[in-house]
Amino acid sequence: MRYLKISSARSLKIICIGCVLFVVCVSSHMMANAELARVSSLPGSSLQVKIHPASQALAMMEQNRQRMLADDRQKKMLENTTRLLELAQQLKVAVDKTDKNTLSLDVIRQADQIEKLAKQVKDQMRE
């Protein structure tokens, strides 16, 4: 009997490819089952679909994961907008303390910080 010599790097690569293929197959199976369940639950739908309990469990886990991600995103946006409001109020107080001929570097830094945070909030809202 002949045995193939496979390096550990090559076997690791083969294992990784196998894992990726498995995840892709499971994901596409879950999405197909979720879509079938959605279509069959529509009013007036005559489509009767039996979904394997394991697929239902995977679909519910995915829904829970999506819900948790959305909750985390909402929480981060709320924290960032609260921080944005605080920074804007601090900037207003700092600008009120200056006169028309002077503008401190701290005010400019605060304005830059507000601009960066506002961009982050805007990008989070687009996701």
C-alpha atoms as a PDB file:
ATOM      1  CA  MET A   1       0.000   0.000   0.000  1.00  0.00           C
ATOM      2  CA  ARG A   2       1.268   3.452  -0.832  1.00  0.00           C
ATOM      3  CA  TYR A   3       0.614   6.394   1.422  1.00  0.00           C
ATOM      4  CA  LEU A   4       0.588   9.946   0.224  1.00  0.00           C
ATOM      5  CA  LYS A   5       2.791  12.353   2.068  1.00  0.00           C
ATOM      6  CA  ILE A   6       0.840  15.509   2.715  1.00  0.00           C
ATOM      7  CA  SER A   7       2.421  18.426   4.489  1.00  0.00           C
ATOM      8  CA  SER A   8       0.667  19.825   7.524  1.00  0.00           C
ATOM      9  CA  ALA A   9       0.157  23.161   5.735  1.00  0.00           C
ATOM     10  CA  ARG A  10      -1.502  21.427   2.818  1.00  0.00           C
ATOM     11  CA  SER A  11      -3.720  19.311   5.058  1.00  0.00           C
ATOM     12  CA  LEU A  12      -4.701  22.443   6.989  1.00  0.00           C
ATOM     13  CA  LYS A  13      -5.588  24.141   3.702  1.00  0.00           C
ATOM     14  CA  ILE A  14      -7.717  21.137   2.678  1.00  0.00           C
ATOM     15  CA  ILE A  15      -9.492  21.167   6.028  1.00  0.00           C
ATOM     16  CA  CYS A  16     -10.157  24.912   5.753  1.00  0.00           C
ATOM     17  CA  ILE A  17     -11.585  24.529   2.264  1.00  0.00           C
ATOM     18  CA  GLY A  18     -13.798  21.703   3.510  1.00  0.00           C
ATOM     19  CA  CYS A  19     -15.044  23.838   6.391  1.00  0.00           C
ATOM     20  CA  VAL A  20     -15.813  26.751   4.074  1.00  0.00           C
ATOM     21  CA  LEU A  21     -17.738  24.477   1.723  1.00  0.00           C
ATOM     22  CA  PHE A  22     -19.676  23.023   4.655  1.00  0.00           C
ATOM     23  CA  VAL A  23     -20.600  26.495   5.948  1.00  0.00           C
ATOM     24  CA  VAL A  24     -21.680  27.612   2.480  1.00  0.00           C
ATOM     25  CA  CYS A  25     -23.862  24.517   2.038  1.00  0.00           C
ATOM     26  CA  VAL A  26     -25.450  24.874   5.468  1.00  0.00           C
ATOM     27  CA  SER A  27     -26.025  28.605   4.969  1.00  0.00           C
ATOM     28  CA  SER A  28     -27.659  28.138   1.580  1.00  0.00           C
ATOM     29  CA  HIS A  29     -29.802  25.322   2.975  1.00  0.00           C
ATOM     30  CA  MET A  30     -30.868  27.537   5.894  1.00  0.00           C
ATOM     31  CA  MET A  31     -31.697  30.447   3.631  1.00  0.00           C
ATOM     32  CA  ALA A  32     -33.698  28.223   1.282  1.00  0.00           C
ATOM     33  CA  ASN A  33     -35.673  26.779   4.186  1.00  0.00           C
ATOM     34  CA  ALA A  34     -36.261  30.208   5.669  1.00  0.00           C
ATOM     35  CA  GLU A  35     -37.522  31.505   2.325  1.00  0.00           C
ATOM     36  CA  LEU A  36     -39.806  28.496   1.893  1.00  0.00           C
ATOM     37  CA  ALA A  37     -41.170  28.997   5.391  1.00  0.00           C
ATOM     38  CA  ARG A  38     -41.759  32.688   4.682  1.00  0.00           C
ATOM     39  CA  VAL A  39     -43.536  31.973   1.397  1.00  0.00           C
ATOM     40  CA  SER A  40     -45.656  29.192   2.878  1.00  0.00           C
ATOM     41  CA  SER A  41     -46.728  31.427   5.764  1.00  0.00           C
ATOM     42  CA  LEU A  42     -48.036  34.165   3.476  1.00  0.00           C
ATOM     43  CA  PRO A  43     -51.807  34.552   3.481  1.00  0.00           C
ATOM     44  CA  GLY A  44     -53.441  32.736   0.577  1.00  0.00           C
ATOM     45  CA  SER A  45     -50.414  30.521   0.014  1.00  0.00           C
ATOM     46  CA  SER A  46     -51.281  26.951  -0.860  1.00  0.00           C
ATOM     47  CA  LEU A  47     -47.679  25.852  -0.552  1.00  0.00           C
ATOM     48  CA  GLN A  48     -47.258  23.282   2.207  1.00  0.00           C
ATOM     49  CA  VAL A  49     -43.655  22.816   3.220  1.00  0.00           C
ATOM     50  CA  LYS A  50     -42.268  20.529   5.877  1.00  0.00           C
ATOM     51  CA  ILE A  51     -38.997  21.780   7.227  1.00  0.00           C
ATOM     52  CA  HIS A  52     -36.601  19.539   9.074  1.00  0.00           C
ATOM     53  CA  PRO A  53     -36.479  20.422  12.816  1.00  0.00           C
ATOM     54  CA  ALA A  54     -32.706  20.868  12.687  1.00  0.00           C
ATOM     55  CA  SER A  55     -33.122  23.404   9.879  1.00  0.00           C
ATOM     56  CA  GLN A  56     -35.780  25.199  11.899  1.00  0.00           C
ATOM     57  CA  ALA A  57     -33.407  25.341  14.868  1.00  0.00           C
ATOM     58  CA  LEU A  58     -30.631  26.716  12.666  1.00  0.00           C
ATOM     59  CA  ALA A  59     -32.996  29.294  11.189  1.00  0.00           C
ATOM     60  CA  MET A  60     -34.111  30.368  14.665  1.00  0.00           C
ATOM     61  CA  MET A  61     -30.486  30.631  15.790  1.00  0.00           C
ATOM     62  CA  GLU A  62     -29.732  32.812  12.758  1.00  0.00           C
ATOM     63  CA  GLN A  63     -32.755  35.015  13.500  1.00  0.00           C
ATOM     64  CA  ASN A  64     -31.625  35.383  17.115  1.00  0.00           C
ATOM     65  CA  ARG A  65     -28.101  36.243  15.955  1.00  0.00           C
ATOM     66  CA  GLN A  66     -29.454  38.852  13.543  1.00  0.00           C
ATOM     67  CA  ARG A  67     -31.668  40.302  16.290  1.00  0.00           C
ATOM     68  CA  MET A  68     -28.727  40.483  18.703  1.00  0.00           C
ATOM     69  CA  LEU A  69     -26.561  42.188  16.066  1.00  0.00           C
ATOM     70  CA  ALA A  70     -29.317  44.718  15.390  1.00  0.00           C
ATOM     71  CA  ASP A  71     -29.705  45.361  19.138  1.00  0.00           C
ATOM     72  CA  ASP A  72     -25.939  45.868  19.495  1.00  0.00           C
ATOM     73  CA  ARG A  73     -25.885  48.221  16.520  1.00  0.00           C
ATOM     74  CA  GLN A  74     -28.799  50.209  17.975  1.00  0.00           C
ATOM     75  CA  LYS A  75     -27.065  50.376  21.369  1.00  0.00           C
ATOM     76  CA  LYS A  76     -23.809  51.620  19.789  1.00  0.00           C
ATOM     77  CA  MET A  77     -25.691  54.242  17.758  1.00  0.00           C
ATOM     78  CA  LEU A  78     -27.467  55.442  20.892  1.00  0.00           C
ATOM     79  CA  GLU A  79     -24.175  55.695  22.793  1.00  0.00           C
ATOM     80  CA  ASN A  80     -22.489  57.497  19.893  1.00  0.00           C
ATOM     81  CA  THR A  81     -25.337  59.975  19.426  1.00  0.00           C
ATOM     82  CA  THR A  82     -25.373  60.691  23.168  1.00  0.00           C
ATOM     83  CA  ARG A  83     -21.610  61.270  23.049  1.00  0.00           C
ATOM     84  CA  LEU A  84     -22.092  63.449  19.963  1.00  0.00           C
ATOM     85  CA  LEU A  85     -24.608  65.605  21.831  1.00  0.00           C
ATOM     86  CA  GLU A  86     -22.252  65.956  24.805  1.00  0.00           C
ATOM     87  CA  LEU A  87     -19.360  66.976  22.548  1.00  0.00           C
ATOM     88  CA  ALA A  88     -21.522  69.504  20.718  1.00  0.00           C
ATOM     89  CA  GLN A  89     -22.607  71.049  24.022  1.00  0.00           C
ATOM     90  CA  GLN A  90     -18.994  71.211  25.200  1.00  0.00           C
ATOM     91  CA  LEU A  91     -18.000  72.837  21.914  1.00  0.00           C
ATOM     92  CA  LYS A  92     -20.734  75.452  22.280  1.00  0.00           C
ATOM     93  CA  VAL A  93     -19.533  76.324  25.784  1.00  0.00           C
ATOM     94  CA  ALA A  94     -15.935  76.559  24.551  1.00  0.00           C
ATOM     95  CA  VAL A  95     -16.902  78.765  21.597  1.00  0.00           C
ATOM     96  CA  ASP A  96     -18.967  81.020  23.875  1.00  0.00           C
ATOM     97  CA  LYS A  97     -15.861  81.596  25.995  1.00  0.00           C
ATOM     98  CA  THR A  98     -13.812  82.815  23.042  1.00  0.00           C
ATOM     99  CA  ASP A  99     -14.061  86.228  21.484  1.00  0.00           C
ATOM    100  CA  LYS A 100     -14.369  87.099  17.822  1.00  0.00           C
ATOM    101  CA  ASN A 101     -10.603  87.446  17.293  1.00  0.00           C
ATOM    102  CA  THR A 102      -9.396  84.224  18.950  1.00  0.00           C
ATOM    103  CA  LEU A 103     -10.118  80.584  18.407  1.00  0.00           C
ATOM    104  CA  SER A 104      -8.282  78.014  20.473  1.00  0.00           C
ATOM    105  CA  LEU A 105      -6.789  74.789  19.152  1.00  0.00           C
ATOM    106  CA  ASP A 106      -8.940  72.848  21.626  1.00  0.00           C
ATOM    107  CA  VAL A 107     -12.065  74.132  19.888  1.00  0.00           C
ATOM    108  CA  ILE A 108     -10.732  73.001  16.521  1.00  0.00           C
ATOM    109  CA  ARG A 109      -9.827  69.565  17.959  1.00  0.00           C
ATOM    110  CA  GLN A 110     -13.282  69.229  19.472  1.00  0.00           C
ATOM    111  CA  ALA A 111     -14.864  70.129  16.134  1.00  0.00           C
ATOM    112  CA  ASP A 112     -12.729  67.472  14.397  1.00  0.00           C
ATOM    113  CA  GLN A 113     -13.725  64.903  17.003  1.00  0.00           C
ATOM    114  CA  ILE A 114     -17.399  65.763  16.509  1.00  0.00           C
ATOM    115  CA  GLU A 115     -16.995  65.449  12.759  1.00  0.00           C
ATOM    116  CA  LYS A 116     -15.395  61.989  13.064  1.00  0.00           C
ATOM    117  CA  LEU A 117     -18.067  60.758  15.462  1.00  0.00           C
ATOM    118  CA  ALA A 118     -20.832  62.137  13.237  1.00  0.00           C
ATOM    119  CA  LYS A 119     -19.350  60.249  10.278  1.00  0.00           C
ATOM    120  CA  GLN A 120     -19.266  57.032  12.358  1.00  0.00           C
ATOM    121  CA  VAL A 121     -22.922  57.466  13.320  1.00  0.00           C
ATOM    122  CA  LYS A 122     -23.840  58.140   9.693  1.00  0.00           C
ATOM    123  CA  ASP A 123     -21.975  55.022   8.511  1.00  0.00           C
ATOM    124  CA  GLN A 124     -23.646  52.911  11.225  1.00  0.00           C
ATOM    125  CA  MET A 125     -27.051  54.116  10.089  1.00  0.00           C
ATOM    126  CA  ARG A 126     -26.295  53.068   6.518  1.00  0.00           C
ATOM    127  CA  GLU A 127     -25.424  49.492   7.534  1.00  0.00           C
END
